[in-house]
Amino acid sequence: MKFALVFNPFKYKLHEENLKIVQKYFGLFPPLSLTWPAAIAEQHGHQVILIDARTLGLTKEEVLDRLIQFQPDIMGFMMTTYMYRETLEWIVYFKKRLKIPVVIGGYNLRVYPKESIMPGEIDFGVVNSSLYTIPELFKQLESERRFDDVPGLVYKEKGEIIQTPSLKPEERFEDYPNPARHLLPNELYAEFPTERRNFTAMVTSKGCPMRCKFCEAGRTYYNPRSAKKVVDEIQECYYKYNIKEIDIFDYEFLIDRKRALDICKRLQEKKMDITWACRSRIDSVDEKLLQEMKNAGCCRIYYGVESGNQNTLDELNKGITVKQIKDNIRLTKEIGIKTLGFILIGVPGETKQTIKNNLRFAKSLDLDYVQFSKLTAKPLTDMWKQLVKDTNYDYWKEYILGNTVERPLPRPWTKLSNKEIDELTKRCYISYYFRPLFLLKAVLEIKSFKEFKRKFFAFWDMLFKQENVSKVDGKFEAFNENKFF
């Protein structure tokens, strides 16, 4: 079969946790969620095209021209809850003109599997992962069409929506092929802190067993790839795609210390000129591990700091202490690894004073980057479950069903209004980043003209274009440094 995958552009949403300018400069990332089904389909002998319309800046009409030339038998799209409606618009456009089956996958299928395929233009949904679902679906499309034999599938039959059981236990992430990066414009990707090109993102494990109330991955099955598989993929990125910087997007890359050390040891043996970043809990690191990471090319760690208030950390089930935050951020910087701290705005019991305290705390840590995020009850989080229970209303479900307008979610755990949270989040960014010594240090550390213009435009837009209260912006586009100069 000929399988066409499309990654569409999307605009800023009022229900996001980031400010508009932060979202604008967040980055252009490879659509990994589409590269795995692409690789799996190719592994089973199917022809595949993957069109990253967001990064390439393509319109629907331009993508349609490419699809007509390819003549696919089936189309695939990734559905996130935030961007569900925009992706649906693209599906409707292509379905009307190509009249071929559409299969969707992605995070939203884990939350609302049946609701996700209710629109008439969507035929199939992959509920969890593609490893067995995609090959078996294609097999049935080419033969008997017995879709009830396809594991982890949601589909329509005689006016009913049917969901088949997923395989238990869950498929091993170890068995997945490497993402089909050969189908991507790898030279165009970058995120805000990127220092080297080519750049890519990577995922080496799925799930996280920790219990943070605000995280959708909390208490989910930890499913890692082996150290050998991880390093083999890094080698492929380096030698095949000339990639020099990788951001590892695992929820918690260092949760298995033995595996992390094994990856670092193998990377040191390979002696590649490559740097990488990862996400980590504060309590996952120690001096030995940090030193091994530095020796293996780690240039940046994204830490879940969240707050400098111990009561808040406890309320959010972080399982860390303020002392651990201070000690391990200091240790990371002493070893020579840059730090980014995630700080939440609008936490339970939040006041203007606690936000000022958190800003002061972030400055005291001397973080290289800070991301101030508005705490939002995201789907599958404990906070979402409590909000639905207390209000007897599920905004996310109604949003994907088209029954409500796009809007910020309520935050009943704080007396601050959403308007105040927006205003205070903007103030935090300006106060943190627009300090003369911080700016001077940041400029001196810039390694390329592309990095300079990306950061310059981001600082300029935050200062002069970020509104105090988030508004719908029909002209919103993610910043694409490849279009300038």
Protein backbone atom coordinates (compact mmCIF):
# COMPACT_ATOMS: atom_id res chain seq x y z
CA MET A 1 0.00 0.00 0.00
CA LYS A 2 0.98 3.63 -0.45
CA PHE A 3 0.79 5.47 2.87
CA ALA A 4 0.86 9.30 3.05
CA LEU A 5 1.44 11.01 6.41
CA VAL A 6 0.85 14.75 6.85
CA PHE A 7 1.95 17.00 9.70
CA ASN A 8 -0.07 20.19 9.51
CA PRO A 9 0.74 23.65 10.93
CA PHE A 10 -1.22 24.92 13.92
CA LYS A 11 -1.94 28.21 15.63
CA TYR A 12 -1.70 29.36 19.23
CA LYS A 13 -4.52 28.14 21.46
CA LEU A 14 -6.00 29.97 24.45
CA HIS A 15 -6.04 26.75 26.46
CA GLU A 16 -2.27 26.22 26.15
CA GLU A 17 0.05 26.53 29.13
CA ASN A 18 2.55 28.77 27.29
CA LEU A 19 2.35 32.42 26.37
CA LYS A 20 1.94 33.13 22.66
CA ILE A 21 5.51 34.37 22.11
CA VAL A 22 6.93 31.37 23.96
CA GLN A 23 4.92 29.07 21.74
CA LYS A 24 6.00 31.01 18.65
CA TYR A 25 9.70 30.46 19.39
CA PHE A 26 9.38 27.04 21.02
CA GLY A 27 10.86 25.39 17.98
CA LEU A 28 10.33 23.43 14.78
CA PHE A 29 10.64 19.78 15.76
CA PRO A 30 10.60 16.62 13.67
CA PRO A 31 7.12 15.00 13.94
CA LEU A 32 8.40 11.84 15.63
CA SER A 33 4.86 10.59 16.25
CA LEU A 34 4.52 10.19 12.48
CA THR A 35 8.03 8.88 11.80
CA TRP A 36 7.42 5.66 13.76
CA PRO A 37 4.32 4.52 11.83
CA ALA A 38 6.17 5.55 8.68
CA ALA A 39 9.14 3.34 9.61
CA ILE A 40 6.86 0.48 10.67
CA ALA A 41 4.92 0.63 7.39
CA GLU A 42 8.17 0.66 5.37
CA GLN A 43 9.44 -2.28 7.40
CA HIS A 44 6.42 -4.25 6.18
CA GLY A 45 6.97 -3.39 2.52
CA HIS A 46 4.67 -0.39 2.07
CA GLN A 47 5.57 2.84 0.26
CA VAL A 48 5.51 5.94 2.48
CA ILE A 49 5.65 9.71 2.11
CA LEU A 50 5.74 12.08 5.09
CA ILE A 51 4.99 15.75 4.44
CA ASP A 52 6.00 18.11 7.25
CA ALA A 53 3.83 21.01 6.08
CA ARG A 54 4.47 22.96 9.29
CA THR A 55 8.24 23.12 8.88
CA LEU A 56 8.15 23.47 5.10
CA GLY A 57 5.52 26.21 5.28
CA LEU A 58 3.20 24.45 2.85
CA THR A 59 -0.44 25.31 2.27
CA LYS A 60 -3.20 22.71 1.93
CA GLU A 61 -3.14 23.21 -1.83
CA GLU A 62 0.61 22.64 -2.04
CA VAL A 63 0.35 19.48 0.06
CA LEU A 64 -2.52 18.28 -2.11
CA ASP A 65 -0.33 18.60 -5.21
CA ARG A 66 2.28 16.34 -3.57
CA LEU A 67 -0.36 13.83 -2.52
CA ILE A 68 -1.87 13.67 -6.00
CA GLN A 69 1.58 12.99 -7.40
CA PHE A 70 2.17 10.21 -4.83
CA GLN A 71 -1.35 8.71 -5.23
CA PRO A 72 -1.71 7.23 -1.72
CA ASP A 73 -4.10 4.45 -0.76
CA ILE A 74 -4.49 5.76 2.80
CA MET A 75 -3.61 8.95 4.71
CA GLY A 76 -2.38 9.34 8.30
CA PHE A 77 -2.44 12.28 10.74
CA MET A 78 -1.37 12.89 14.33
CA MET A 79 -4.13 14.12 16.64
CA THR A 80 -3.26 16.05 19.80
CA THR A 81 -6.07 17.29 22.03
CA TYR A 82 -4.91 20.93 21.80
CA MET A 83 -4.80 20.98 18.00
CA TYR A 84 -7.59 18.53 17.22
CA ARG A 85 -9.82 20.95 15.34
CA GLU A 86 -7.06 22.31 13.08
CA THR A 87 -5.90 18.84 12.12
CA LEU A 88 -9.52 17.91 11.44
CA GLU A 89 -9.80 20.88 9.05
CA TRP A 90 -6.87 19.49 7.04
CA ILE A 91 -8.36 15.99 7.07
CA VAL A 92 -11.71 17.29 5.79
CA TYR A 93 -9.96 19.19 2.98
CA PHE A 94 -7.98 16.17 1.73
CA LYS A 95 -10.73 13.60 2.26
CA LYS A 96 -13.11 15.58 0.06
CA ARG A 97 -10.60 15.66 -2.78
CA LEU A 98 -8.84 12.28 -2.52
CA LYS A 99 -11.65 10.09 -1.16
CA ILE A 100 -9.33 7.55 0.49
CA PRO A 101 -9.34 6.14 4.05
CA VAL A 102 -7.92 8.24 6.88
CA VAL A 103 -6.21 6.83 9.98
CA ILE A 104 -5.29 8.98 12.97
CA GLY A 105 -3.09 8.39 16.00
CA GLY A 106 -1.49 10.40 18.76
CA TYR A 107 -2.08 11.38 22.35
CA ASN A 108 -5.75 12.30 21.96
CA LEU A 109 -6.58 8.68 21.07
CA ARG A 110 -5.42 7.62 24.54
CA VAL A 111 -7.92 10.03 26.13
CA TYR A 112 -10.92 9.98 23.80
CA PRO A 113 -10.54 7.07 21.37
CA LYS A 114 -14.15 6.83 20.17
CA GLU A 115 -14.87 10.55 20.22
CA SER A 116 -11.76 11.18 18.13
CA ILE A 117 -13.07 9.30 15.09
CA MET A 118 -16.67 10.54 15.22
CA PRO A 119 -16.22 12.95 12.26
CA GLY A 120 -17.30 11.25 9.05
CA GLU A 121 -13.97 11.98 7.37
CA ILE A 122 -12.01 9.80 9.83
CA ASP A 123 -12.12 6.04 9.30
CA PHE A 124 -9.64 4.52 11.77
CA GLY A 125 -7.78 5.41 14.95
CA VAL A 126 -4.66 3.85 16.45
CA VAL A 127 -5.38 3.89 20.17
CA ASN A 128 -1.94 3.38 21.63
CA SER A 129 0.96 2.45 19.37
CA SER A 130 1.54 1.52 15.76
CA LEU A 131 3.87 -1.44 16.06
CA TYR A 132 1.22 -4.10 15.49
CA THR A 133 -1.83 -1.98 14.68
CA ILE A 134 -0.59 -0.40 11.42
CA PRO A 135 0.73 -3.61 9.76
CA GLU A 136 -2.40 -5.56 10.67
CA LEU A 137 -4.71 -2.73 9.57
CA PHE A 138 -3.01 -2.54 6.17
CA LYS A 139 -3.18 -6.32 5.85
CA GLN A 140 -6.94 -6.27 6.46
CA LEU A 141 -7.45 -3.34 4.07
CA GLU A 142 -5.77 -5.42 1.35
CA SER A 143 -7.70 -8.62 2.11
CA GLU A 144 -10.71 -9.58 4.21
CA ARG A 145 -11.26 -6.24 6.04
CA ARG A 146 -11.77 -8.02 9.36
CA PHE A 147 -10.92 -5.01 11.46
CA ASP A 148 -11.96 -6.68 14.71
CA ASP A 149 -8.74 -8.73 14.35
CA VAL A 150 -6.59 -5.58 14.46
CA PRO A 151 -5.25 -4.90 18.00
CA GLY A 152 -5.58 -1.39 19.45
CA LEU A 153 -7.85 -0.10 16.68
CA VAL A 154 -10.96 2.07 16.83
CA TYR A 155 -13.12 2.03 13.69
CA LYS A 156 -16.63 2.39 12.34
CA GLU A 157 -18.92 -0.39 11.21
CA LYS A 158 -22.63 -0.14 10.37
CA GLY A 159 -23.05 3.14 12.21
CA GLU A 160 -21.24 1.91 15.33
CA ILE A 161 -17.82 2.89 16.69
CA ILE A 162 -15.90 -0.20 17.76
CA GLN A 163 -12.69 -0.37 19.78
CA THR A 164 -10.59 -3.52 19.79
CA PRO A 165 -8.45 -4.51 22.79
CA SER A 166 -4.81 -3.40 22.83
CA LEU A 167 -2.17 -6.04 23.29
CA LYS A 168 -1.24 -6.78 26.89
CA PRO A 169 1.39 -6.24 28.07
CA GLU A 170 2.11 -3.15 25.97
CA GLU A 171 4.44 -3.55 23.02
CA ARG A 172 8.12 -3.19 23.84
CA PHE A 173 9.53 0.15 22.70
CA GLU A 174 12.74 -1.79 22.17
CA ASP A 175 11.12 -3.52 19.18
CA TYR A 176 10.34 -0.29 17.32
CA PRO A 177 12.44 0.59 14.28
CA ASN A 178 14.30 3.89 14.33
CA PRO A 179 12.19 6.87 13.23
CA ALA A 180 12.02 7.39 9.46
CA ARG A 181 14.14 10.53 9.47
CA HIS A 182 15.03 10.00 5.82
CA LEU A 183 11.54 11.32 5.02
CA LEU A 184 12.16 14.62 6.86
CA PRO A 185 13.89 17.96 6.11
CA ASN A 186 16.40 17.41 8.93
CA GLU A 187 18.41 20.52 8.10
CA LEU A 188 15.45 22.79 8.97
CA TYR A 189 14.74 21.77 12.57
CA ALA A 190 15.69 23.83 15.62
CA GLU A 191 14.40 24.69 19.10
CA PHE A 192 14.94 27.90 21.04
CA PRO A 193 18.21 26.89 22.80
CA THR A 194 19.68 25.05 19.76
CA GLU A 195 23.39 25.79 19.33
CA ARG A 196 24.38 23.34 16.57
CA ARG A 197 22.88 22.10 13.32
CA ASN A 198 21.62 19.72 12.13
CA PHE A 199 19.31 19.31 15.11
CA THR A 200 16.77 16.62 15.93
CA ALA A 201 14.58 15.40 18.75
CA MET A 202 14.68 11.83 20.04
CA VAL A 203 12.64 9.63 22.39
CA THR A 204 14.38 6.73 24.15
CA SER A 205 11.60 5.67 26.55
CA LYS A 206 7.86 5.95 26.97
CA GLY A 207 5.95 6.52 30.20
CA CYS A 208 6.88 7.64 33.71
CA PRO A 209 6.01 5.94 37.02
CA MET A 210 6.20 9.15 39.08
CA ARG A 211 3.10 10.80 40.54
CA CYS A 212 3.21 14.53 39.65
CA LYS A 213 -0.38 15.81 39.65
CA PHE A 214 0.00 18.09 36.64
CA CYS A 215 1.71 15.64 34.25
CA GLU A 216 -0.19 13.45 31.78
CA ALA A 217 2.50 10.75 31.98
CA GLY A 218 2.18 10.23 35.72
CA ARG A 219 1.89 6.59 36.80
CA THR A 220 2.25 5.29 33.23
CA TYR A 221 4.19 2.18 32.24
CA TYR A 222 7.93 2.89 31.85
CA ASN A 223 8.95 1.37 28.52
CA PRO A 224 12.61 2.08 27.60
CA ARG A 225 14.84 1.18 24.68
CA SER A 226 18.13 -0.47 25.57
CA ALA A 227 21.33 1.55 25.84
CA LYS A 228 22.62 -0.17 22.68
CA LYS A 229 19.51 0.73 20.68
CA VAL A 230 19.69 4.35 21.91
CA VAL A 231 23.34 4.78 20.93
CA ASP A 232 22.77 3.03 17.60
CA GLU A 233 20.04 5.60 16.79
CA ILE A 234 22.34 8.46 17.81
CA GLN A 235 25.03 7.05 15.51
CA GLU A 236 22.50 6.88 12.67
CA CYS A 237 21.57 10.52 13.29
CA TYR A 238 25.22 11.55 13.29
CA TYR A 239 26.55 9.63 10.30
CA LYS A 240 23.46 9.45 8.08
CA TYR A 241 21.83 12.83 8.69
CA ASN A 242 24.80 14.96 9.81
CA ILE A 243 23.04 15.72 13.11
CA LYS A 244 25.21 17.45 15.71
CA GLU A 245 22.68 18.22 18.45
CA ILE A 246 19.86 16.08 19.88
CA ASP A 247 17.15 16.91 22.39
CA ILE A 248 16.02 13.75 24.18
CA PHE A 249 12.31 14.20 24.86
CA ASP A 250 11.78 11.41 27.42
CA TYR A 251 9.59 12.44 30.33
CA GLU A 252 12.45 11.36 32.62
CA PHE A 253 15.62 10.28 30.82
CA LEU A 254 17.60 9.47 33.98
CA ILE A 255 15.03 7.45 35.91
CA ASP A 256 17.04 4.26 35.32
CA ARG A 257 20.51 5.32 36.50
CA LYS A 258 22.22 2.12 35.32
CA ARG A 259 20.81 2.55 31.80
CA ALA A 260 21.80 6.23 31.72
CA LEU A 261 25.37 5.41 32.73
CA ASP A 262 25.51 2.66 30.10
CA ILE A 263 24.36 5.12 27.40
CA CYS A 264 27.01 7.64 28.51
CA LYS A 265 29.75 5.01 28.52
CA ARG A 266 28.85 3.84 25.01
CA LEU A 267 28.72 7.42 23.71
CA GLN A 268 32.17 8.13 25.14
CA GLU A 269 33.54 5.06 23.35
CA LYS A 270 32.07 6.20 20.01
CA LYS A 271 33.83 9.61 20.17
CA MET A 272 31.26 11.39 17.99
CA ASP A 273 31.26 15.19 17.74
CA ILE A 274 27.70 15.44 19.01
CA THR A 275 25.96 17.22 21.90
CA TRP A 276 22.65 16.41 23.49
CA ALA A 277 20.09 17.64 26.00
CA CYS A 278 17.58 15.77 28.16
CA ARG A 279 14.83 16.17 30.74
CA SER A 280 15.39 15.06 34.32
CA ARG A 281 13.96 15.13 37.79
CA ILE A 282 16.07 17.07 40.26
CA ASP A 283 16.58 14.01 42.46
CA SER A 284 17.78 11.77 39.60
CA VAL A 285 21.25 13.29 39.31
CA ASP A 286 24.44 13.07 41.35
CA GLU A 287 28.03 14.16 40.79
CA LYS A 288 29.21 10.91 39.16
CA LEU A 289 26.27 10.70 36.77
CA LEU A 290 26.54 14.39 35.82
CA GLN A 291 30.25 14.04 35.10
CA GLU A 292 29.66 10.99 32.91
CA MET A 293 26.91 12.86 31.06
CA LYS A 294 29.20 15.83 30.48
CA ASN A 295 31.95 13.53 29.18
CA ALA A 296 29.40 11.91 26.85
CA GLY A 297 28.35 15.22 25.28
CA CYS A 298 25.43 16.39 27.44
CA CYS A 299 25.21 20.17 27.02
CA ARG A 300 21.90 20.99 28.71
CA ILE A 301 19.46 19.49 31.23
CA TYR A 302 15.82 20.54 31.50
CA TYR A 303 14.83 20.23 35.16
CA GLY A 304 11.31 20.10 36.58
CA VAL A 305 11.85 22.72 39.27
CA GLU A 306 8.18 23.84 39.35
CA SER A 307 8.46 25.90 42.56
CA GLY A 308 10.77 27.15 45.28
CA ASN A 309 8.08 26.58 47.89
CA GLN A 310 8.21 23.23 49.68
CA ASN A 311 4.47 23.21 50.41
CA THR A 312 3.75 23.64 46.70
CA LEU A 313 6.15 20.86 45.75
CA ASP A 314 4.42 18.56 48.23
CA GLU A 315 0.96 19.55 46.99
CA LEU A 316 2.00 18.69 43.42
CA ASN A 317 3.42 15.30 44.48
CA LYS A 318 6.87 16.22 43.16
CA GLY A 319 8.70 14.18 45.80
CA ILE A 320 11.66 16.58 45.88
CA THR A 321 12.94 19.26 48.27
CA VAL A 322 13.98 22.87 47.77
CA LYS A 323 17.44 21.93 49.07
CA GLN A 324 17.78 19.26 46.36
CA ILE A 325 16.86 21.85 43.73
CA LYS A 326 19.50 24.30 44.95
CA ASP A 327 22.24 21.69 45.40
CA ASN A 328 21.77 19.85 42.12
CA ILE A 329 21.34 22.95 39.94
CA ARG A 330 24.59 24.28 41.44
CA LEU A 331 26.32 20.94 40.89
CA THR A 332 25.13 20.74 37.27
CA LYS A 333 26.47 24.21 36.50
CA GLU A 334 29.80 23.51 38.24
CA ILE A 335 30.30 20.45 36.03
CA GLY A 336 29.68 22.60 32.96
CA ILE A 337 26.19 21.56 31.84
CA LYS A 338 23.66 24.31 31.11
CA THR A 339 20.36 24.28 32.99
CA LEU A 340 16.78 25.03 32.06
CA GLY A 341 14.20 25.12 34.82
CA PHE A 342 10.47 24.64 34.34
CA ILE A 343 8.55 26.91 36.75
CA LEU A 344 4.78 26.69 37.16
CA ILE A 345 2.59 29.80 37.49
CA GLY A 346 -0.90 29.47 38.98
CA VAL A 347 -0.24 26.55 41.34
CA PRO A 348 -2.60 25.62 44.19
CA GLY A 349 -2.78 28.51 46.63
CA GLU A 350 -0.91 30.83 44.23
CA THR A 351 -0.83 34.57 45.02
CA LYS A 352 1.02 37.51 43.51
CA GLN A 353 3.51 37.23 46.37
CA THR A 354 4.23 33.54 45.80
CA ILE A 355 4.90 34.29 42.12
CA LYS A 356 7.35 37.04 43.12
CA ASN A 357 9.01 34.58 45.49
CA ASN A 358 9.33 31.98 42.73
CA LEU A 359 10.81 34.54 40.35
CA ARG A 360 13.36 35.49 43.00
CA PHE A 361 14.11 31.81 43.55
CA ALA A 362 14.66 31.21 39.81
CA LYS A 363 17.09 34.13 39.68
CA SER A 364 18.98 32.80 42.69
CA LEU A 365 19.51 29.48 40.88
CA ASP A 366 21.17 31.36 37.99
CA LEU A 367 19.49 29.10 35.44
CA ASP A 368 20.59 29.50 31.82
CA TYR A 369 16.97 29.25 30.70
CA VAL A 370 13.62 29.35 32.48
CA GLN A 371 10.24 28.37 31.11
CA PHE A 372 7.36 29.88 33.08
CA SER A 373 4.25 27.80 32.30
CA LYS A 374 0.66 28.41 33.34
CA LEU A 375 -0.51 25.37 35.29
CA THR A 376 -3.29 23.82 33.22
CA ALA A 377 -5.48 20.79 33.86
CA LYS A 378 -4.24 18.78 30.89
CA PRO A 379 -6.00 15.56 29.82
CA LEU A 380 -5.25 12.45 31.91
CA THR A 381 -3.62 14.43 34.74
CA ASP A 382 -4.83 14.19 38.33
CA MET A 383 -5.72 17.89 38.18
CA TRP A 384 -7.90 17.28 35.11
CA LYS A 385 -9.66 14.37 36.79
CA GLN A 386 -10.38 16.50 39.87
CA LEU A 387 -11.61 19.43 37.78
CA VAL A 388 -14.01 17.20 35.82
CA LYS A 389 -15.26 15.69 39.08
CA ASP A 390 -15.78 19.06 40.76
CA THR A 391 -17.44 20.79 37.80
CA ASN A 392 -19.14 17.78 36.20
CA TYR A 393 -17.87 19.16 32.90
CA ASP A 394 -15.08 17.95 30.61
CA TYR A 395 -13.88 20.88 28.51
CA TRP A 396 -11.40 18.80 26.49
CA LYS A 397 -14.05 16.29 25.47
CA GLU A 398 -16.50 19.00 24.48
CA TYR A 399 -13.74 20.84 22.61
CA ILE A 400 -12.88 17.93 20.32
CA LEU A 401 -16.58 17.25 19.80
CA GLY A 402 -17.01 20.86 18.66
CA ASN A 403 -19.45 21.70 21.44
CA THR A 404 -17.57 24.59 23.07
CA VAL A 405 -15.51 27.57 22.04
CA GLU A 406 -11.75 27.66 22.56
CA ARG A 407 -10.97 29.29 25.92
CA PRO A 408 -8.64 29.09 28.91
CA LEU A 409 -9.57 26.46 31.49
CA PRO A 410 -10.61 27.53 35.00
CA ARG A 411 -8.05 27.29 37.81
CA PRO A 412 -10.19 26.91 40.93
CA TRP A 413 -7.14 26.01 43.04
CA THR A 414 -6.01 29.68 43.05
CA LYS A 415 -7.83 32.97 43.64
CA LEU A 416 -5.84 34.60 40.82
CA SER A 417 -7.83 35.09 37.63
CA ASN A 418 -6.63 33.76 34.28
CA LYS A 419 -6.08 37.40 33.25
CA GLU A 420 -3.80 37.97 36.25
CA ILE A 421 -1.90 34.73 35.58
CA ASP A 422 -1.24 35.80 31.98
CA GLU A 423 -0.01 39.22 33.07
CA LEU A 424 2.20 37.84 35.82
CA THR A 425 3.69 35.17 33.57
CA LYS A 426 4.72 37.84 31.06
CA ARG A 427 6.27 39.92 33.87
CA CYS A 428 8.26 36.91 35.05
CA TYR A 429 9.77 36.41 31.58
CA ILE A 430 10.72 40.06 31.20
CA SER A 431 12.10 40.35 34.71
CA TYR A 432 14.20 37.19 34.36
CA TYR A 433 15.57 37.54 30.85
CA PHE A 434 15.99 41.30 30.54
CA ARG A 435 18.69 41.74 33.18
CA PRO A 436 21.77 43.46 31.71
CA LEU A 437 24.33 40.93 32.98
CA PHE A 438 22.16 37.99 31.95
CA LEU A 439 21.74 39.43 28.44
CA LEU A 440 25.47 40.10 28.10
CA LYS A 441 26.31 36.54 29.14
CA ALA A 442 23.69 35.13 26.76
CA VAL A 443 25.03 37.13 23.81
CA LEU A 444 28.65 36.12 24.50
CA GLU A 445 27.66 32.43 24.50
CA ILE A 446 25.84 32.53 21.14
CA LYS A 447 27.55 30.26 18.62
CA SER A 448 25.98 31.20 15.26
CA PHE A 449 24.12 33.94 13.44
CA LYS A 450 20.99 31.77 13.22
CA GLU A 451 21.02 31.29 16.99
CA PHE A 452 21.51 35.05 17.46
CA LYS A 453 18.57 36.08 15.28
CA ARG A 454 16.31 33.42 16.84
CA LYS A 455 17.00 34.69 20.35
CA PHE A 456 17.04 38.36 19.38
CA PHE A 457 13.61 38.17 17.74
CA ALA A 458 12.24 36.16 20.69
CA PHE A 459 13.44 38.75 23.21
CA TRP A 460 12.13 41.59 21.05
CA ASP A 461 8.71 40.00 20.58
CA MET A 462 8.36 39.16 24.28
CA LEU A 463 9.10 42.77 25.17
CA PHE A 464 6.95 44.49 22.55
CA LYS A 465 4.49 41.99 21.04
CA GLN A 466 3.39 39.70 23.86
CA GLU A 467 -0.03 40.91 25.00
CA ASN A 468 -0.82 41.05 28.70
CA VAL A 469 -3.78 38.72 28.20
CA SER A 470 -3.66 35.97 25.58
CA LYS A 471 -5.91 36.47 22.57
CA VAL A 472 -6.82 34.45 19.50
CA ASP A 473 -4.41 35.22 16.66
CA GLY A 474 -5.51 34.12 13.20
CA LYS A 475 -2.14 35.07 11.73
CA PHE A 476 -0.03 33.11 14.21
CA GLU A 477 2.90 31.16 12.77
CA ALA A 478 5.76 29.38 14.51
CA PHE A 479 9.04 31.22 14.00
CA ASN A 480 10.98 29.73 11.12
CA GLU A 481 14.54 31.04 11.02
CA ASN A 482 15.05 29.41 7.63
CA LYS A 483 12.80 32.02 6.00
CA PHE A 484 14.88 35.00 7.12
CA PHE A 485 17.94 36.44 5.44
